[in-house]
PDB file of all heavy atoms in Angstrom:
ATOM      1  N   SER A   1      17.659 106.115 136.660  1.00  0.00           N
ATOM      2  CA  SER A   1      18.556 105.123 137.210  1.00  0.00           C
ATOM      3  C   SER A   1      18.388 103.780 136.468  1.00  0.00           C
ATOM      4  O   SER A   1      17.388 103.568 135.803  1.00  0.00           O
ATOM      5  CB  SER A   1      18.270 104.902 138.691  1.00  0.00           C
ATOM      6  OG  SER A   1      17.033 104.352 138.856  1.00  0.00           O
ATOM      7  N   ASP A   2      19.394 102.961 136.569  1.00  0.00           N
ATOM      8  CA  ASP A   2      19.379 101.650 135.895  1.00  0.00           C
ATOM      9  C   ASP A   2      18.185 100.819 136.344  1.00  0.00           C
ATOM     10  O   ASP A   2      17.561 100.133 135.514  1.00  0.00           O
ATOM     11  CB  ASP A   2      20.661 100.909 136.108  1.00  0.00           C
ATOM     12  CG  ASP A   2      21.860 101.527 135.399  1.00  0.00           C
ATOM     13  OD1 ASP A   2      21.650 102.353 134.488  1.00  0.00           O
ATOM     14  OD2 ASP A   2      23.021 101.236 135.786  1.00  0.00           O
ATOM     15  N   SER A   3      17.868 100.858 137.620  1.00  0.00           N
ATOM     16  CA  SER A   3      16.745 100.035 138.076  1.00  0.00           C
ATOM     17  C   SER A   3      15.383 100.514 137.497  1.00  0.00           C
ATOM     18  O   SER A   3      14.565  99.672 137.112  1.00  0.00           O
ATOM     19  CB  SER A   3      16.677 100.040 139.618  1.00  0.00           C
ATOM     20  OG  SER A   3      16.456 101.356 140.111  1.00  0.00           O
ATOM     21  N   VAL A   4      15.234 101.792 137.467  1.00  0.00           N
ATOM     22  CA  VAL A   4      13.999 102.335 136.836  1.00  0.00           C
ATOM     23  C   VAL A   4      13.979 102.072 135.311  1.00  0.00           C
ATOM     24  O   VAL A   4      12.969 101.734 134.722  1.00  0.00           O
ATOM     25  CB  VAL A   4      13.847 103.871 137.147  1.00  0.00           C
ATOM     26  CG1 VAL A   4      12.649 104.453 136.389  1.00  0.00           C
ATOM     27  CG2 VAL A   4      13.626 104.011 138.654  1.00  0.00           C
ATOM     28  N   LEU A   5      15.160 102.225 134.672  1.00  0.00           N
ATOM     29  CA  LEU A   5      15.221 101.972 133.227  1.00  0.00           C
ATOM     30  C   LEU A   5      14.817 100.530 132.909  1.00  0.00           C
ATOM     31  O   LEU A   5      14.184 100.312 131.897  1.00  0.00           O
ATOM     32  CB  LEU A   5      16.622 102.289 132.733  1.00  0.00           C
ATOM     33  CG  LEU A   5      16.829 102.219 131.248  1.00  0.00           C
ATOM     34  CD1 LEU A   5      15.831 103.138 130.472  1.00  0.00           C
ATOM     35  CD2 LEU A   5      18.254 102.560 130.872  1.00  0.00           C
ATOM     36  N   ALA A   6      15.205  99.602 133.725  1.00  0.00           N
ATOM     37  CA  ALA A   6      14.817  98.177 133.467  1.00  0.00           C
ATOM     38  C   ALA A   6      13.324  98.053 133.489  1.00  0.00           C
ATOM     39  O   ALA A   6      12.705  97.365 132.649  1.00  0.00           O
ATOM     40  CB  ALA A   6      15.436  97.267 134.521  1.00  0.00           C
ATOM     41  N   GLU A   7      12.658  98.745 134.415  1.00  0.00           N
ATOM     42  CA  GLU A   7      11.195  98.681 134.492  1.00  0.00           C
ATOM     43  C   GLU A   7      10.588  99.400 133.294  1.00  0.00           C
ATOM     44  O   GLU A   7       9.592  98.948 132.719  1.00  0.00           O
ATOM     45  CB  GLU A   7      10.693  99.331 135.803  1.00  0.00           C
ATOM     46  CG  GLU A   7      11.155  98.618 137.035  1.00  0.00           C
ATOM     47  CD  GLU A   7      10.493  97.250 137.278  1.00  0.00           C
ATOM     48  OE1 GLU A   7       9.446  97.009 136.664  1.00  0.00           O
ATOM     49  OE2 GLU A   7      11.044  96.470 138.023  1.00  0.00           O
ATOM     50  N   ALA A   8      11.168 100.545 132.936  1.00  0.00           N
ATOM     51  CA  ALA A   8      10.654 101.335 131.793  1.00  0.00           C
ATOM     52  C   ALA A   8      10.782 100.505 130.502  1.00  0.00           C
ATOM     53  O   ALA A   8       9.904 100.577 129.643  1.00  0.00           O
ATOM     54  CB  ALA A   8      11.422 102.637 131.676  1.00  0.00           C
ATOM     55  N   ARG A   9      11.837  99.811 130.404  1.00  0.00           N
ATOM     56  CA  ARG A   9      12.111  98.948 129.189  1.00  0.00           C
ATOM     57  C   ARG A   9      10.962  97.924 129.071  1.00  0.00           C
ATOM     58  O   ARG A   9      10.424  97.661 128.000  1.00  0.00           O
ATOM     59  CB  ARG A   9      13.467  98.310 129.268  1.00  0.00           C
ATOM     60  CG  ARG A   9      13.853  97.630 127.962  1.00  0.00           C
ATOM     61  CD  ARG A   9      15.270  97.052 128.007  1.00  0.00           C
ATOM     62  NE  ARG A   9      16.259  98.097 128.312  1.00  0.00           N
ATOM     63  CZ  ARG A   9      16.989  98.190 129.427  1.00  0.00           C
ATOM     64  NH1 ARG A   9      16.897  97.312 130.344  1.00  0.00           N
ATOM     65  NH2 ARG A   9      17.844  99.167 129.584  1.00  0.00           N
ATOM     66  N   GLY A  10      10.630  97.318 130.209  1.00  0.00           N
ATOM     67  CA  GLY A  10       9.560  96.315 130.206  1.00  0.00           C
ATOM     68  C   GLY A  10       8.233  96.873 129.748  1.00  0.00           C
ATOM     69  O   GLY A  10       7.530  96.285 128.958  1.00  0.00           O
ATOM     70  N   VAL A  11       7.913  98.094 130.262  1.00  0.00           N
ATOM     71  CA  VAL A  11       6.640  98.734 129.889  1.00  0.00           C
ATOM     72  C   VAL A  11       6.725  99.101 128.376  1.00  0.00           C
ATOM     73  O   VAL A  11       5.782  98.853 127.620  1.00  0.00           O
ATOM     74  CB  VAL A  11       6.428 100.033 130.698  1.00  0.00           C
ATOM     75  CG1 VAL A  11       5.293 100.877 130.135  1.00  0.00           C
ATOM     76  CG2 VAL A  11       6.129  99.651 132.180  1.00  0.00           C
ATOM     77  N   ASN A  12       7.820  99.664 127.940  1.00  0.00           N
ATOM     78  CA  ASN A  12       7.998 100.093 126.561  1.00  0.00           C
ATOM     79  C   ASN A  12       7.881  98.871 125.597  1.00  0.00           C
ATOM     80  O   ASN A  12       7.212  98.912 124.578  1.00  0.00           O
ATOM     81  CB  ASN A  12       9.319 100.750 126.356  1.00  0.00           C
ATOM     82  CG  ASN A  12       9.511 101.305 124.972  1.00  0.00           C
ATOM     83  OD1 ASN A  12       8.746 102.147 124.528  1.00  0.00           O
ATOM     84  ND2 ASN A  12      10.498 100.796 124.230  1.00  0.00           N
ATOM     85  N   ASP A  13       8.505  97.770 126.005  1.00  0.00           N
ATOM     86  CA  ASP A  13       8.405  96.545 125.162  1.00  0.00           C
ATOM     87  C   ASP A  13       6.975  96.055 125.001  1.00  0.00           C
ATOM     88  O   ASP A  13       6.530  95.749 123.920  1.00  0.00           O
ATOM     89  CB  ASP A  13       9.277  95.449 125.740  1.00  0.00           C
ATOM     90  CG  ASP A  13      10.776  95.722 125.596  1.00  0.00           C
ATOM     91  OD1 ASP A  13      11.159  96.696 124.902  1.00  0.00           O
ATOM     92  OD2 ASP A  13      11.594  95.004 126.218  1.00  0.00           O
ATOM     93  N   MET A  14       6.239  95.995 126.157  1.00  0.00           N
ATOM     94  CA  MET A  14       4.902  95.523 126.105  1.00  0.00           C
ATOM     95  C   MET A  14       4.012  96.455 125.286  1.00  0.00           C
ATOM     96  O   MET A  14       3.132  95.989 124.499  1.00  0.00           O
ATOM     97  CB  MET A  14       4.296  95.368 127.491  1.00  0.00           C
ATOM     98  CG  MET A  14       4.768  94.147 128.178  1.00  0.00           C
ATOM     99  SD  MET A  14       3.891  93.829 129.784  1.00  0.00           S
ATOM    100  CE  MET A  14       2.308  93.215 129.182  1.00  0.00           C
ATOM    101  N   ILE A  15       4.159  97.759 125.418  1.00  0.00           N
ATOM    102  CA  ILE A  15       3.385  98.715 124.673  1.00  0.00           C
ATOM    103  C   ILE A  15       3.681  98.563 123.149  1.00  0.00           C
ATOM    104  O   ILE A  15       2.792  98.553 122.335  1.00  0.00           O
ATOM    105  CB  ILE A  15       3.641 100.158 125.146  1.00  0.00           C
ATOM    106  CG1 ILE A  15       2.936 100.377 126.491  1.00  0.00           C
ATOM    107  CG2 ILE A  15       3.162 101.164 124.134  1.00  0.00           C
ATOM    108  CD1 ILE A  15       3.214 101.696 127.140  1.00  0.00           C
ATOM    109  N   GLY A  16       4.963  98.389 122.837  1.00  0.00           N
ATOM    110  CA  GLY A  16       5.340  98.217 121.449  1.00  0.00           C
ATOM    111  C   GLY A  16       4.789  96.937 120.819  1.00  0.00           C
ATOM    112  O   GLY A  16       4.303  96.951 119.706  1.00  0.00           O
ATOM    113  N   ILE A  17       4.828  95.861 121.600  1.00  0.00           N
ATOM    114  CA  ILE A  17       4.244  94.582 121.151  1.00  0.00           C
ATOM    115  C   ILE A  17       2.741  94.746 120.882  1.00  0.00           C
ATOM    116  O   ILE A  17       2.232  94.323 119.838  1.00  0.00           O
ATOM    117  CB  ILE A  17       4.543  93.451 122.116  1.00  0.00           C
ATOM    118  CG1 ILE A  17       6.074  93.123 122.116  1.00  0.00           C
ATOM    119  CG2 ILE A  17       3.708  92.204 121.850  1.00  0.00           C
ATOM    120  CD1 ILE A  17       6.513  92.260 123.264  1.00  0.00           C
ATOM    121  N   LEU A  18       2.089  95.381 121.834  1.00  0.00           N
ATOM    122  CA  LEU A  18       0.602  95.543 121.717  1.00  0.00           C
ATOM    123  C   LEU A  18       0.264  96.415 120.504  1.00  0.00           C
ATOM    124  O   LEU A  18      -0.618  96.071 119.707  1.00  0.00           O
ATOM    125  CB  LEU A  18       0.064  96.133 122.989  1.00  0.00           C
ATOM    126  CG  LEU A  18      -1.421  96.435 123.001  1.00  0.00           C
ATOM    127  CD1 LEU A  18      -2.255  95.225 122.705  1.00  0.00           C
ATOM    128  CD2 LEU A  18      -1.795  97.065 124.370  1.00  0.00           C
ATOM    129  N   TYR A  19       0.964  97.556 120.411  1.00  0.00           N
ATOM    130  CA  TYR A  19       0.648  98.449 119.308  1.00  0.00           C
ATOM    131  C   TYR A  19       0.978  97.777 117.939  1.00  0.00           C
ATOM    132  O   TYR A  19       0.140  97.866 116.976  1.00  0.00           O
ATOM    133  CB  TYR A  19       1.449  99.722 119.424  1.00  0.00           C
ATOM    134  CG  TYR A  19       1.086 100.763 118.392  1.00  0.00           C
ATOM    135  CD1 TYR A  19      -0.175 101.357 118.294  1.00  0.00           C
ATOM    136  CD2 TYR A  19       2.028 101.187 117.447  1.00  0.00           C
ATOM    137  CE1 TYR A  19      -0.514 102.282 117.381  1.00  0.00           C
ATOM    138  CE2 TYR A  19       1.710 102.166 116.514  1.00  0.00           C
ATOM    139  CZ  TYR A  19       0.451 102.676 116.482  1.00  0.00           C
ATOM    140  OH  TYR A  19       0.133 103.665 115.502  1.00  0.00           O
ATOM    141  N   GLY A  20       2.070  97.056 117.866  1.00  0.00           N
ATOM    142  CA  GLY A  20       2.410  96.346 116.651  1.00  0.00           C
ATOM    143  C   GLY A  20       1.357  95.338 116.278  1.00  0.00           C
ATOM    144  O   GLY A  20       0.963  95.204 115.086  1.00  0.00           O
ATOM    145  N   MET A  21       0.896  94.576 117.297  1.00  0.00           N
ATOM    146  CA  MET A  21      -0.197  93.600 117.038  1.00  0.00           C
ATOM    147  C   MET A  21      -1.454  94.263 116.483  1.00  0.00           C
ATOM    148  O   MET A  21      -2.032  93.827 115.514  1.00  0.00           O
ATOM    149  CB  MET A  21      -0.501  92.831 118.322  1.00  0.00           C
ATOM    150  CG  MET A  21      -1.579  91.818 118.153  1.00  0.00           C
ATOM    151  SD  MET A  21      -2.055  91.014 119.704  1.00  0.00           S
ATOM    152  CE  MET A  21      -0.533  90.161 120.167  1.00  0.00           C
ATOM    153  N   LEU A  22      -1.833  95.335 117.121  1.00  0.00           N
ATOM    154  CA  LEU A  22      -3.054  96.076 116.698  1.00  0.00           C
ATOM    155  C   LEU A  22      -2.916  96.625 115.266  1.00  0.00           C
ATOM    156  O   LEU A  22      -3.851  96.551 114.492  1.00  0.00           O
ATOM    157  CB  LEU A  22      -3.384  97.198 117.664  1.00  0.00           C
ATOM    158  CG  LEU A  22      -3.793  96.729 119.089  1.00  0.00           C
ATOM    159  CD1 LEU A  22      -3.936  97.941 120.006  1.00  0.00           C
ATOM    160  CD2 LEU A  22      -5.118  95.948 119.000  1.00  0.00           C
ATOM    161  N   ARG A  23      -1.751  97.200 114.958  1.00  0.00           N
ATOM    162  CA  ARG A  23      -1.546  97.716 113.627  1.00  0.00           C
ATOM    163  C   ARG A  23      -1.580  96.631 112.567  1.00  0.00           C
ATOM    164  O   ARG A  23      -2.138  96.772 111.503  1.00  0.00           O
ATOM    165  CB  ARG A  23      -0.208  98.466 113.603  1.00  0.00           C
ATOM    166  CG  ARG A  23      -0.167  99.768 114.350  1.00  0.00           C
ATOM    167  CD  ARG A  23      -1.114 100.833 113.813  1.00  0.00           C
ATOM    168  NE  ARG A  23      -0.716 101.128 112.425  1.00  0.00           N
ATOM    169  CZ  ARG A  23      -1.598 101.488 111.487  1.00  0.00           C
ATOM    170  NH1 ARG A  23      -2.895 101.560 111.742  1.00  0.00           N
ATOM    171  NH2 ARG A  23      -1.164 101.709 110.245  1.00  0.00           N
ATOM    172  N   ARG A  24      -0.956  95.453 112.896  1.00  0.00           N
ATOM    173  CA  ARG A  24      -0.973  94.355 111.924  1.00  0.00           C
ATOM    174  C   ARG A  24      -2.405  93.836 111.698  1.00  0.00           C
ATOM    175  O   ARG A  24      -2.822  93.592 110.564  1.00  0.00           O
ATOM    176  CB  ARG A  24      -0.055  93.211 112.398  1.00  0.00           C
ATOM    177  CG  ARG A  24       1.429  93.520 112.315  1.00  0.00           C
ATOM    178  CD  ARG A  24       2.251  92.284 112.532  1.00  0.00           C
ATOM    179  NE  ARG A  24       2.066  91.723 113.868  1.00  0.00           N
ATOM    180  CZ  ARG A  24       2.703  92.101 114.993  1.00  0.00           C
ATOM    181  NH1 ARG A  24       3.559  93.090 114.917  1.00  0.00           N
ATOM    182  NH2 ARG A  24       2.475  91.510 116.110  1.00  0.00           N
ATOM    183  N   ILE A  25      -3.170  93.706 112.767  1.00  0.00           N
ATOM    184  CA  ILE A  25      -4.571  93.272 112.628  1.00  0.00           C
ATOM    185  C   ILE A  25      -5.303  94.297 111.821  1.00  0.00           C
ATOM    186  O   ILE A  25      -6.063  93.950 110.898  1.00  0.00           O
ATOM    187  CB  ILE A  25      -5.246  93.069 114.046  1.00  0.00           C
ATOM    188  CG1 ILE A  25      -4.557  91.895 114.782  1.00  0.00           C
ATOM    189  CG2 ILE A  25      -6.704  92.863 113.892  1.00  0.00           C
ATOM    190  CD1 ILE A  25      -4.951  91.782 116.248  1.00  0.00           C
ATOM    191  N   ASP A  26      -5.154  95.545 112.151  1.00  0.00           N
ATOM    192  CA  ASP A  26      -5.869  96.616 111.481  1.00  0.00           C
ATOM    193  C   ASP A  26      -5.551  96.709 109.992  1.00  0.00           C
ATOM    194  O   ASP A  26      -6.416  96.953 109.142  1.00  0.00           O
ATOM    195  CB  ASP A  26      -5.499  97.985 112.155  1.00  0.00           C
ATOM    196  CG  ASP A  26      -6.361  99.140 111.685  1.00  0.00           C
ATOM    197  OD1 ASP A  26      -7.439  98.909 111.078  1.00  0.00           O
ATOM    198  OD2 ASP A  26      -5.979 100.310 111.995  1.00  0.00           O
ATOM    199  N   CYS A  27      -4.270  96.425 109.658  1.00  0.00           N
ATOM    200  CA  CYS A  27      -3.837  96.489 108.246  1.00  0.00           C
ATOM    201  C   CYS A  27      -4.135  95.187 107.494  1.00  0.00           C
ATOM    202  O   CYS A  27      -3.787  95.047 106.276  1.00  0.00           O
ATOM    203  CB  CYS A  27      -2.349  96.835 108.167  1.00  0.00           C
ATOM    204  SG  CYS A  27      -2.014  98.495 108.767  1.00  0.00           S
ATOM    205  N   GLY A  28      -4.665  94.188 108.170  1.00  0.00           N
ATOM    206  CA  GLY A  28      -4.895  92.904 107.500  1.00  0.00           C
ATOM    207  C   GLY A  28      -3.695  92.036 107.323  1.00  0.00           C
ATOM    208  O   GLY A  28      -3.657  91.213 106.467  1.00  0.00           O
ATOM    209  N   ASP A  29      -2.667  92.304 108.166  1.00  0.00           N
ATOM    210  CA  ASP A  29      -1.381  91.584 108.007  1.00  0.00           C
ATOM    211  C   ASP A  29      -1.085  90.828 109.336  1.00  0.00           C
ATOM    212  O   ASP A  29       0.058  90.775 109.747  1.00  0.00           O
ATOM    213  CB  ASP A  29      -0.307  92.576 107.674  1.00  0.00           C
ATOM    214  CG  ASP A  29       0.983  91.893 107.208  1.00  0.00           C
ATOM    215  OD1 ASP A  29       0.917  90.750 106.746  1.00  0.00           O
ATOM    216  OD2 ASP A  29       2.060  92.487 107.376  1.00  0.00           O
ATOM    217  N   ALA A  30      -2.112  90.284 109.958  1.00  0.00           N
ATOM    218  CA  ALA A  30      -1.942  89.654 111.293  1.00  0.00           C
ATOM    219  C   ALA A  30      -1.035  88.436 111.187  1.00  0.00           C
ATOM    220  O   ALA A  30      -1.090  87.693 110.203  1.00  0.00           O
ATOM    221  CB  ALA A  30      -3.284  89.293 111.855  1.00  0.00           C
ATOM    222  N   ARG A  31      -0.263  88.253 112.236  1.00  0.00           N
ATOM    223  CA  ARG A  31       0.559  87.037 112.353  1.00  0.00           C
ATOM    224  C   ARG A  31      -0.278  85.918 113.031  1.00  0.00           C
ATOM    225  O   ARG A  31      -1.380  86.187 113.446  1.00  0.00           O
ATOM    226  CB  ARG A  31       1.805  87.346 113.212  1.00  0.00           C
ATOM    227  CG  ARG A  31       2.749  88.301 112.499  1.00  0.00           C
ATOM    228  CD  ARG A  31       3.949  88.587 113.361  1.00  0.00           C
ATOM    229  NE  ARG A  31       4.796  89.588 112.752  1.00  0.00           N
ATOM    230  CZ  ARG A  31       5.750  90.232 113.364  1.00  0.00           C
ATOM    231  NH1 ARG A  31       5.968  90.031 114.665  1.00  0.00           N
ATOM    232  NH2 ARG A  31       6.496  91.122 112.751  1.00  0.00           N
ATOM    233  N   GLU A  32       0.338  84.802 113.134  1.00  0.00           N
ATOM    234  CA  GLU A  32      -0.378  83.633 113.640  1.00  0.00           C
ATOM    235  C   GLU A  32      -1.048  83.853 115.002  1.00  0.00           C
ATOM    236  O   GLU A  32      -2.145  83.446 115.212  1.00  0.00           O
ATOM    237  CB  GLU A  32       0.589  82.450 113.699  1.00  0.00           C
ATOM    238  CG  GLU A  32      -0.074  81.143 114.165  1.00  0.00           C
ATOM    239  CD  GLU A  32       0.929  79.984 114.235  1.00  0.00           C
ATOM    240  OE1 GLU A  32       2.047  80.094 113.642  1.00  0.00           O
ATOM    241  OE2 GLU A  32       0.628  79.039 114.949  1.00  0.00           O
ATOM    242  N   HIS A  33      -0.350  84.505 115.950  1.00  0.00           N
ATOM    243  CA  HIS A  33      -0.881  84.668 117.312  1.00  0.00           C
ATOM    244  C   HIS A  33      -1.525  86.034 117.530  1.00  0.00           C
ATOM    245  O   HIS A  33      -1.869  86.346 118.636  1.00  0.00           O
ATOM    246  CB  HIS A  33       0.276  84.423 118.308  1.00  0.00           C
ATOM    247  CG  HIS A  33       0.814  83.045 118.248  1.00  0.00           C
ATOM    248  ND1 HIS A  33       0.135  81.938 118.658  1.00  0.00           N
ATOM    249  CD2 HIS A  33       1.991  82.604 117.786  1.00  0.00           C
ATOM    250  CE1 HIS A  33       0.879  80.886 118.486  1.00  0.00           C
ATOM    251  NE2 HIS A  33       2.014  81.244 117.927  1.00  0.00           N
ATOM    252  N   ASP A  34      -1.679  86.820 116.445  1.00  0.00           N
ATOM    253  CA  ASP A  34      -2.307  88.134 116.584  1.00  0.00           C
ATOM    254  C   ASP A  34      -3.838  87.955 116.608  1.00  0.00           C
ATOM    255  O   ASP A  34      -4.329  87.359 115.681  1.00  0.00           O
ATOM    256  CB  ASP A  34      -1.911  89.025 115.443  1.00  0.00           C
ATOM    257  CG  ASP A  34      -0.447  89.486 115.493  1.00  0.00           C
ATOM    258  OD1 ASP A  34       0.228  89.282 116.506  1.00  0.00           O
ATOM    259  OD2 ASP A  34       0.010  90.052 114.469  1.00  0.00           O
ATOM    260  N   SER A  35      -4.436  88.498 117.627  1.00  0.00           N
ATOM    261  CA  SER A  35      -5.921  88.478 117.690  1.00  0.00           C
ATOM    262  C   SER A  35      -6.340  89.558 118.673  1.00  0.00           C
ATOM    263  O   SER A  35      -5.576  90.033 119.480  1.00  0.00           O
ATOM    264  CB  SER A  35      -6.439  87.097 118.146  1.00  0.00           C
ATOM    265  OG  SER A  35      -6.109  86.911 119.545  1.00  0.00           O
ATOM    266  N   ILE A  36      -7.603  89.886 118.578  1.00  0.00           N
ATOM    267  CA  ILE A  36      -8.161  90.862 119.523  1.00  0.00           C
ATOM    268  C   ILE A  36      -8.096  90.302 120.935  1.00  0.00           C
ATOM    269  O   ILE A  36      -7.803  91.033 121.864  1.00  0.00           O
ATOM    270  CB  ILE A  36      -9.619  91.229 119.112  1.00  0.00           C
ATOM    271  CG1 ILE A  36      -9.645  91.909 117.761  1.00  0.00           C
ATOM    272  CG2 ILE A  36     -10.278  92.111 120.172  1.00  0.00           C
ATOM    273  CD1 ILE A  36      -8.844  93.183 117.663  1.00  0.00           C
ATOM    274  N   GLU A  37      -8.366  89.008 121.075  1.00  0.00           N
ATOM    275  CA  GLU A  37      -8.319  88.392 122.409  1.00  0.00           C
ATOM    276  C   GLU A  37      -6.875  88.478 122.969  1.00  0.00           C
ATOM    277  O   GLU A  37      -6.692  88.754 124.175  1.00  0.00           O
ATOM    278  CB  GLU A  37      -8.817  86.964 122.388  1.00  0.00           C
ATOM    279  CG  GLU A  37     -10.306  86.855 122.165  1.00  0.00           C
ATOM    280  CD  GLU A  37     -11.148  87.715 123.127  1.00  0.00           C
ATOM    281  OE1 GLU A  37     -10.867  87.633 124.341  1.00  0.00           O
ATOM    282  OE2 GLU A  37     -12.028  88.410 122.643  1.00  0.00           O
ATOM    283  N   ALA A  38      -5.885  88.234 122.150  1.00  0.00           N
ATOM    284  CA  ALA A  38      -4.481  88.318 122.604  1.00  0.00           C
ATOM    285  C   ALA A  38      -4.186  89.788 122.985  1.00  0.00           C
ATOM    286  O   ALA A  38      -3.446  90.018 123.973  1.00  0.00           O
ATOM    287  CB  ALA A  38      -3.539  87.821 121.512  1.00  0.00           C
ATOM    288  N   ALA A  39      -4.694  90.706 122.199  1.00  0.00           N
ATOM    289  CA  ALA A  39      -4.460  92.154 122.500  1.00  0.00           C
ATOM    290  C   ALA A  39      -5.138  92.485 123.833  1.00  0.00           C
ATOM    291  O   ALA A  39      -4.522  93.259 124.628  1.00  0.00           O
ATOM    292  CB  ALA A  39      -4.997  92.984 121.386  1.00  0.00           C
ATOM    293  N   LYS A  40      -6.330  92.019 124.082  1.00  0.00           N
ATOM    294  CA  LYS A  40      -6.994  92.277 125.360  1.00  0.00           C
ATOM    295  C   LYS A  40      -6.168  91.709 126.547  1.00  0.00           C
ATOM    296  O   LYS A  40      -6.057  92.365 127.571  1.00  0.00           O
ATOM    297  CB  LYS A  40      -8.381  91.647 125.361  1.00  0.00           C
ATOM    298  CG  LYS A  40      -9.375  92.414 124.530  1.00  0.00           C
ATOM    299  CD  LYS A  40     -10.757  91.713 124.588  1.00  0.00           C
ATOM    300  CE  LYS A  40     -11.790  92.498 123.733  1.00  0.00           C
ATOM    301  NZ  LYS A  40     -13.076  91.871 123.759  1.00  0.00           N
ATOM    302  N   ARG A  41      -5.583  90.522 126.352  1.00  0.00           N
ATOM    303  CA  ARG A  41      -4.738  89.945 127.426  1.00  0.00           C
ATOM    304  C   ARG A  41      -3.543  90.820 127.665  1.00  0.00           C
ATOM    305  O   ARG A  41      -3.153  91.103 128.836  1.00  0.00           O
ATOM    306  CB  ARG A  41      -4.358  88.513 127.055  1.00  0.00           C
ATOM    307  CG  ARG A  41      -5.429  87.488 127.318  1.00  0.00           C
ATOM    308  CD  ARG A  41      -4.897  86.078 127.228  1.00  0.00           C
ATOM    309  NE  ARG A  41      -4.255  85.762 125.940  1.00  0.00           N
ATOM    310  CZ  ARG A  41      -4.934  85.406 124.868  1.00  0.00           C
ATOM    311  NH1 ARG A  41      -6.255  85.238 124.889  1.00  0.00           N
ATOM    312  NH2 ARG A  41      -4.274  85.158 123.725  1.00  0.00           N
TER     313      ARG A  41
END
């Protein structure tokens, strides 16, 4: 349903942001706000 999809989108977005941050840090291509502490948060 649309209401569940809105919640799923939020989860998916956060997971994608987190994974992207971890991959950038791991590959040595971290952005300004990428850090292990930010990933933990």
